[in-house]
Amino acid sequence: MKKWLCFFKTLPPLTVSRKIYRSCLHQYEALQAKTWARDRAKQEEIWKTEKETMQSRKIFKNQKILT
């Protein structure tokens, strides 16, 4: 299905009937948006864990200094 979407994306709208072109374009854009959202969620999870790690290191370092 991805092959067809890419194929239709490269063709000008007049070559393929506009209805088919638009539906394929909408499907392609929806797929891109879904992929972007999934990647963004993964990246935010990574940032969150990195931030927590840095905070725990900072706390550990401060405790080490105090003792």
PDB file of N, CA and C in Angstrom:
ATOM      1  N   MET A   1       0.820  -1.196   0.000  1.00  0.00           N
ATOM      2  CA  MET A   1       0.000   0.000   0.000  1.00  0.00           C
ATOM      3  C   MET A   1       0.864   1.261   0.000  1.00  0.00           C
ATOM      4  N   LYS A   2       1.991   1.208   0.716  1.00  0.00           N
ATOM      5  CA  LYS A   2       2.879   2.366   0.756  1.00  0.00           C
ATOM      6  C   LYS A   2       3.419   2.687  -0.637  1.00  0.00           C
ATOM      7  N   LYS A   3       3.705   1.628  -1.420  1.00  0.00           N
ATOM      8  CA  LYS A   3       4.222   1.858  -2.764  1.00  0.00           C
ATOM      9  C   LYS A   3       3.221   2.670  -3.575  1.00  0.00           C
ATOM     10  N   TRP A   4       1.946   2.299  -3.477  1.00  0.00           N
ATOM     11  CA  TRP A   4       0.920   3.009  -4.234  1.00  0.00           C
ATOM     12  C   TRP A   4       0.790   4.446  -3.770  1.00  0.00           C
ATOM     13  N   LEU A   5       0.861   4.654  -2.468  1.00  0.00           N
ATOM     14  CA  LEU A   5       0.735   6.016  -1.959  1.00  0.00           C
ATOM     15  C   LEU A   5       1.875   6.892  -2.467  1.00  0.00           C
ATOM     16  N   CYS A   6       3.082   6.347  -2.440  1.00  0.00           N
ATOM     17  CA  CYS A   6       4.220   7.106  -2.936  1.00  0.00           C
ATOM     18  C   CYS A   6       4.093   7.341  -4.438  1.00  0.00           C
ATOM     19  N   PHE A   7       3.597   6.330  -5.143  1.00  0.00           N
ATOM     20  CA  PHE A   7       3.415   6.443  -6.582  1.00  0.00           C
ATOM     21  C   PHE A   7       2.409   7.541  -6.902  1.00  0.00           C
ATOM     22  N   PHE A   8       1.283   7.541  -6.200  1.00  0.00           N
ATOM     23  CA  PHE A   8       0.261   8.558  -6.443  1.00  0.00           C
ATOM     24  C   PHE A   8       0.747   9.937  -6.022  1.00  0.00           C
ATOM     25  N   LYS A   9       1.587   9.980  -5.004  1.00  0.00           N
ATOM     26  CA  LYS A   9       2.092  11.272  -4.527  1.00  0.00           C
ATOM     27  C   LYS A   9       2.981  11.919  -5.583  1.00  0.00           C
ATOM     28  N   THR A  10       3.700  11.108  -6.349  1.00  0.00           N
ATOM     29  CA  THR A  10       4.610  11.667  -7.349  1.00  0.00           C
ATOM     30  C   THR A  10       3.891  12.103  -8.621  1.00  0.00           C
ATOM     31  N   LEU A  11       2.690  11.563  -8.866  1.00  0.00           N
ATOM     32  CA  LEU A  11       1.968  11.929 -10.078  1.00  0.00           C
ATOM     33  C   LEU A  11       1.227  13.252  -9.907  1.00  0.00           C
ATOM     34  N   PRO A  12       1.120  14.026 -10.982  1.00  0.00           N
ATOM     35  CA  PRO A  12       0.302  15.234 -10.886  1.00  0.00           C
ATOM     36  C   PRO A  12      -1.179  14.863 -10.780  1.00  0.00           C
ATOM     37  N   PRO A  13      -2.003  15.700 -10.162  1.00  0.00           N
ATOM     38  CA  PRO A  13      -3.404  15.355  -9.921  1.00  0.00           C
ATOM     39  C   PRO A  13      -4.215  15.051 -11.175  1.00  0.00           C
ATOM     40  N   LEU A  14      -3.855  15.615 -12.304  1.00  0.00           N
ATOM     41  CA  LEU A  14      -4.658  15.396 -13.509  1.00  0.00           C
ATOM     42  C   LEU A  14      -4.424  14.026 -14.132  1.00  0.00           C
ATOM     43  N   THR A  15      -3.291  13.401 -13.846  1.00  0.00           N
ATOM     44  CA  THR A  15      -2.995  12.089 -14.404  1.00  0.00           C
ATOM     45  C   THR A  15      -3.928  11.041 -13.818  1.00  0.00           C
ATOM     46  N   VAL A  16      -4.139  11.109 -12.522  1.00  0.00           N
ATOM     47  CA  VAL A  16      -5.014  10.179 -11.816  1.00  0.00           C
ATOM     48  C   VAL A  16      -6.288  10.950 -11.518  1.00  0.00           C
ATOM     49  N   SER A  17      -7.392  10.232 -11.415  1.00  0.00           N
ATOM     50  CA  SER A  17      -8.612  10.968 -11.112  1.00  0.00           C
ATOM     51  C   SER A  17      -8.428  11.682  -9.777  1.00  0.00           C
ATOM     52  N   ARG A  18      -8.981  12.859  -9.687  1.00  0.00           N
ATOM     53  CA  ARG A  18      -8.748  13.699  -8.502  1.00  0.00           C
ATOM     54  C   ARG A  18      -9.243  13.042  -7.225  1.00  0.00           C
ATOM     55  N   LYS A  19     -10.323  12.297  -7.322  1.00  0.00           N
ATOM     56  CA  LYS A  19     -10.877  11.658  -6.133  1.00  0.00           C
ATOM     57  C   LYS A  19      -9.884  10.628  -5.576  1.00  0.00           C
ATOM     58  N   ILE A  20      -9.330   9.807  -6.459  1.00  0.00           N
ATOM     59  CA  ILE A  20      -8.358   8.793  -6.042  1.00  0.00           C
ATOM     60  C   ILE A  20      -7.107   9.480  -5.496  1.00  0.00           C
ATOM     61  N   TYR A  21      -6.641  10.493  -6.205  1.00  0.00           N
ATOM     62  CA  TYR A  21      -5.441  11.212  -5.778  1.00  0.00           C
ATOM     63  C   TYR A  21      -5.627  11.809  -4.395  1.00  0.00           C
ATOM     64  N   ARG A  22      -6.746  12.468  -4.174  1.00  0.00           N
ATOM     65  CA  ARG A  22      -6.995  13.105  -2.880  1.00  0.00           C
ATOM     66  C   ARG A  22      -7.105  12.074  -1.759  1.00  0.00           C
ATOM     67  N   SER A  23      -7.800  10.968  -2.022  1.00  0.00           N
ATOM     68  CA  SER A  23      -7.941   9.956  -0.976  1.00  0.00           C
ATOM     69  C   SER A  23      -6.576   9.359  -0.628  1.00  0.00           C
ATOM     70  N   CYS A  24      -5.767   9.108  -1.644  1.00  0.00           N
ATOM     71  CA  CYS A  24      -4.428   8.575  -1.385  1.00  0.00           C
ATOM     72  C   CYS A  24      -3.577   9.597  -0.653  1.00  0.00           C
ATOM     73  N   LEU A  25      -3.710  10.850  -1.034  1.00  0.00           N
ATOM     74  CA  LEU A  25      -2.942  11.903  -0.380  1.00  0.00           C
ATOM     75  C   LEU A  25      -3.343  12.034   1.085  1.00  0.00           C
ATOM     76  N   HIS A  26      -4.640  11.963   1.363  1.00  0.00           N
ATOM     77  CA  HIS A  26      -5.108  12.032   2.745  1.00  0.00           C
ATOM     78  C   HIS A  26      -4.601  10.846   3.553  1.00  0.00           C
ATOM     79  N   GLN A  27      -4.628   9.663   2.949  1.00  0.00           N
ATOM     80  CA  GLN A  27      -4.115   8.471   3.638  1.00  0.00           C
ATOM     81  C   GLN A  27      -2.627   8.633   3.924  1.00  0.00           C
ATOM     82  N   TYR A  28      -1.905   9.144   2.958  1.00  0.00           N
ATOM     83  CA  TYR A  28      -0.463   9.343   3.111  1.00  0.00           C
ATOM     84  C   TYR A  28      -0.180  10.345   4.239  1.00  0.00           C
ATOM     85  N   GLU A  29      -0.920  11.456   4.237  1.00  0.00           N
ATOM     86  CA  GLU A  29      -0.718  12.467   5.271  1.00  0.00           C
ATOM     87  C   GLU A  29      -1.100  11.945   6.648  1.00  0.00           C
ATOM     88  N   ALA A  30      -2.166  11.146   6.721  1.00  0.00           N
ATOM     89  CA  ALA A  30      -2.575  10.566   8.000  1.00  0.00           C
ATOM     90  C   ALA A  30      -1.495   9.610   8.520  1.00  0.00           C
ATOM     91  N   LEU A  31      -0.930   8.830   7.608  1.00  0.00           N
ATOM     92  CA  LEU A  31       0.141   7.911   7.982  1.00  0.00           C
ATOM     93  C   LEU A  31       1.358   8.678   8.494  1.00  0.00           C
ATOM     94  N   GLN A  32       1.707   9.776   7.815  1.00  0.00           N
ATOM     95  CA  GLN A  32       2.830  10.599   8.238  1.00  0.00           C
ATOM     96  C   GLN A  32       2.568  11.208   9.616  1.00  0.00           C
ATOM     97  N   ALA A  33       1.349  11.691   9.843  1.00  0.00           N
ATOM     98  CA  ALA A  33       1.005  12.310  11.128  1.00  0.00           C
ATOM     99  C   ALA A  33       1.066  11.283  12.254  1.00  0.00           C
ATOM    100  N   LYS A  34       0.586  10.074  11.966  1.00  0.00           N
ATOM    101  CA  LYS A  34       0.609   9.011  12.981  1.00  0.00           C
ATOM    102  C   LYS A  34       2.050   8.644  13.327  1.00  0.00           C
ATOM    103  N   THR A  35       2.884   8.528  12.314  1.00  0.00           N
ATOM    104  CA  THR A  35       4.290   8.202  12.523  1.00  0.00           C
ATOM    105  C   THR A  35       4.979   9.302  13.320  1.00  0.00           C
ATOM    106  N   TRP A  36       4.700  10.564  12.971  1.00  0.00           N
ATOM    107  CA  TRP A  36       5.313  11.685  13.667  1.00  0.00           C
ATOM    108  C   TRP A  36       4.896  11.691  15.135  1.00  0.00           C
ATOM    109  N   ALA A  37       3.613  11.447  15.394  1.00  0.00           N
ATOM    110  CA  ALA A  37       3.117  11.445  16.780  1.00  0.00           C
ATOM    111  C   ALA A  37       3.769  10.329  17.594  1.00  0.00           C
ATOM    112  N   ARG A  38       3.919   9.156  16.973  1.00  0.00           N
ATOM    113  CA  ARG A  38       4.536   8.036  17.671  1.00  0.00           C
ATOM    114  C   ARG A  38       6.007   8.348  17.988  1.00  0.00           C
ATOM    115  N   ASP A  39       6.723   8.886  17.005  1.00  0.00           N
ATOM    116  CA  ASP A  39       8.128   9.231  17.220  1.00  0.00           C
ATOM    117  C   ASP A  39       8.276  10.317  18.279  1.00  0.00           C
ATOM    118  N   ARG A  40       7.364  11.279  18.262  1.00  0.00           N
ATOM    119  CA  ARG A  40       7.411  12.362  19.246  1.00  0.00           C
ATOM    120  C   ARG A  40       7.184  11.818  20.666  1.00  0.00           C
ATOM    121  N   ALA A  41       6.241  10.891  20.797  1.00  0.00           N
ATOM    122  CA  ALA A  41       5.965  10.294  22.111  1.00  0.00           C
ATOM    123  C   ALA A  41       7.189   9.529  22.622  1.00  0.00           C
ATOM    124  N   LYS A  42       7.852   8.798  21.736  1.00  0.00           N
ATOM    125  CA  LYS A  42       9.064   8.064  22.129  1.00  0.00           C
ATOM    126  C   LYS A  42      10.150   9.041  22.576  1.00  0.00           C
ATOM    127  N   GLN A  43      10.315  10.125  21.809  1.00  0.00           N
ATOM    128  CA  GLN A  43      11.349  11.101  22.135  1.00  0.00           C
ATOM    129  C   GLN A  43      11.061  11.783  23.463  1.00  0.00           C
ATOM    130  N   GLU A  44       9.794  12.099  23.729  1.00  0.00           N
ATOM    131  CA  GLU A  44       9.444  12.725  24.998  1.00  0.00           C
ATOM    132  C   GLU A  44       9.713  11.780  26.166  1.00  0.00           C
ATOM    133  N   GLU A  45       9.474  10.482  25.954  1.00  0.00           N
ATOM    134  CA  GLU A  45       9.767   9.492  26.996  1.00  0.00           C
ATOM    135  C   GLU A  45      11.272   9.448  27.272  1.00  0.00           C
ATOM    136  N   ILE A  46      12.071   9.504  26.227  1.00  0.00           N
ATOM    137  CA  ILE A  46      13.528   9.505  26.377  1.00  0.00           C
ATOM    138  C   ILE A  46      13.973  10.752  27.138  1.00  0.00           C
ATOM    139  N   TRP A  47      13.430  11.915  26.758  1.00  0.00           N
ATOM    140  CA  TRP A  47      13.789  13.155  27.447  1.00  0.00           C
ATOM    141  C   TRP A  47      13.422  13.088  28.924  1.00  0.00           C
ATOM    142  N   LYS A  48      12.250  12.513  29.205  1.00  0.00           N
ATOM    143  CA  LYS A  48      11.787  12.412  30.595  1.00  0.00           C
ATOM    144  C   LYS A  48      12.748  11.548  31.425  1.00  0.00           C
ATOM    145  N   THR A  49      13.136  10.391  30.878  1.00  0.00           N
ATOM    146  CA  THR A  49      14.048   9.511  31.622  1.00  0.00           C
ATOM    147  C   THR A  49      15.427  10.164  31.790  1.00  0.00           C
ATOM    148  N   GLU A  50      15.883  10.874  30.748  1.00  0.00           N
ATOM    149  CA  GLU A  50      17.177  11.558  30.859  1.00  0.00           C
ATOM    150  C   GLU A  50      17.129  12.638  31.938  1.00  0.00           C
ATOM    151  N   LYS A  51      16.027  13.369  31.976  1.00  0.00           N
ATOM    152  CA  LYS A  51      15.877  14.429  32.982  1.00  0.00           C
ATOM    153  C   LYS A  51      15.875  13.833  34.396  1.00  0.00           C
ATOM    154  N   GLU A  52      15.144  12.730  34.572  1.00  0.00           N
ATOM    155  CA  GLU A  52      15.102  12.067  35.879  1.00  0.00           C
ATOM    156  C   GLU A  52      16.486  11.551  36.270  1.00  0.00           C
ATOM    157  N   THR A  53      17.206  11.014  35.319  1.00  0.00           N
ATOM    158  CA  THR A  53      18.558  10.507  35.578  1.00  0.00           C
ATOM    159  C   THR A  53      19.474  11.642  36.017  1.00  0.00           C
ATOM    160  N   MET A  54      19.395  12.757  35.314  1.00  0.00           N
ATOM    161  CA  MET A  54      20.240  13.902  35.664  1.00  0.00           C
ATOM    162  C   MET A  54      19.901  14.435  37.052  1.00  0.00           C
ATOM    163  N   GLN A  55      18.603  14.473  37.373  1.00  0.00           N
ATOM    164  CA  GLN A  55      18.193  14.945  38.694  1.00  0.00           C
ATOM    165  C   GLN A  55      18.689  13.997  39.788  1.00  0.00           C
ATOM    166  N   SER A  56      18.579  12.696  39.542  1.00  0.00           N
ATOM    167  CA  SER A  56      19.043  11.736  40.551  1.00  0.00           C
ATOM    168  C   SER A  56      20.559  11.819  40.723  1.00  0.00           C
ATOM    169  N   ARG A  57      21.286  12.054  39.643  1.00  0.00           N
ATOM    170  CA  ARG A  57      22.741  12.219  39.743  1.00  0.00           C
ATOM    171  C   ARG A  57      23.081  13.470  40.546  1.00  0.00           C
ATOM    172  N   LYS A  58      22.329  14.537  40.304  1.00  0.00           N
ATOM    173  CA  LYS A  58      22.562  15.789  41.012  1.00  0.00           C
ATOM    174  C   LYS A  58      22.301  15.605  42.509  1.00  0.00           C
ATOM    175  N   ILE A  59      21.212  14.926  42.837  1.00  0.00           N
ATOM    176  CA  ILE A  59      20.887  14.657  44.246  1.00  0.00           C
ATOM    177  C   ILE A  59      21.983  13.801  44.881  1.00  0.00           C
ATOM    178  N   PHE A  60      22.416  12.765  44.168  1.00  0.00           N
ATOM    179  CA  PHE A  60      23.464  11.880  44.680  1.00  0.00           C
ATOM    180  C   PHE A  60      24.755  12.672  44.921  1.00  0.00           C
ATOM    181  N   LYS A  61      25.096  13.537  43.973  1.00  0.00           N
ATOM    182  CA  LYS A  61      26.308  14.340  44.095  1.00  0.00           C
ATOM    183  C   LYS A  61      26.201  15.278  45.296  1.00  0.00           C
ATOM    184  N   ASN A  62      25.034  15.898  45.486  1.00  0.00           N
ATOM    185  CA  ASN A  62      24.827  16.797  46.633  1.00  0.00           C
ATOM    186  C   ASN A  62      24.911  16.043  47.951  1.00  0.00           C
ATOM    187  N   GLN A  63      24.357  14.832  47.996  1.00  0.00           N
ATOM    188  CA  GLN A  63      24.427  14.027  49.219  1.00  0.00           C
ATOM    189  C   GLN A  63      25.869  13.644  49.532  1.00  0.00           C
ATOM    190  N   LYS A  64      26.622  13.357  48.497  1.00  0.00           N
ATOM    191  CA  LYS A  64      28.017  12.970  48.667  1.00  0.00           C
ATOM    192  C   LYS A  64      28.821  14.144  49.248  1.00  0.00           C
ATOM    193  N   ILE A  65      28.514  15.342  48.770  1.00  0.00           N
ATOM    194  CA  ILE A  65      29.207  16.528  49.252  1.00  0.00           C
ATOM    195  C   ILE A  65      28.865  16.785  50.724  1.00  0.00           C
ATOM    196  N   LEU A  66      27.591  16.596  51.086  1.00  0.00           N
ATOM    197  CA  LEU A  66      27.147  16.871  52.453  1.00  0.00           C
ATOM    198  C   LEU A  66      27.744  15.902  53.462  1.00  0.00           C
ATOM    199  N   THR A  67      27.959  14.645  53.059  1.00  0.00           N
ATOM    200  CA  THR A  67      28.463  13.651  54.022  1.00  0.00           C
ATOM    201  C   THR A  67      29.965  13.633  54.119  1.00  0.00           C
TER     202      THR A  67
END
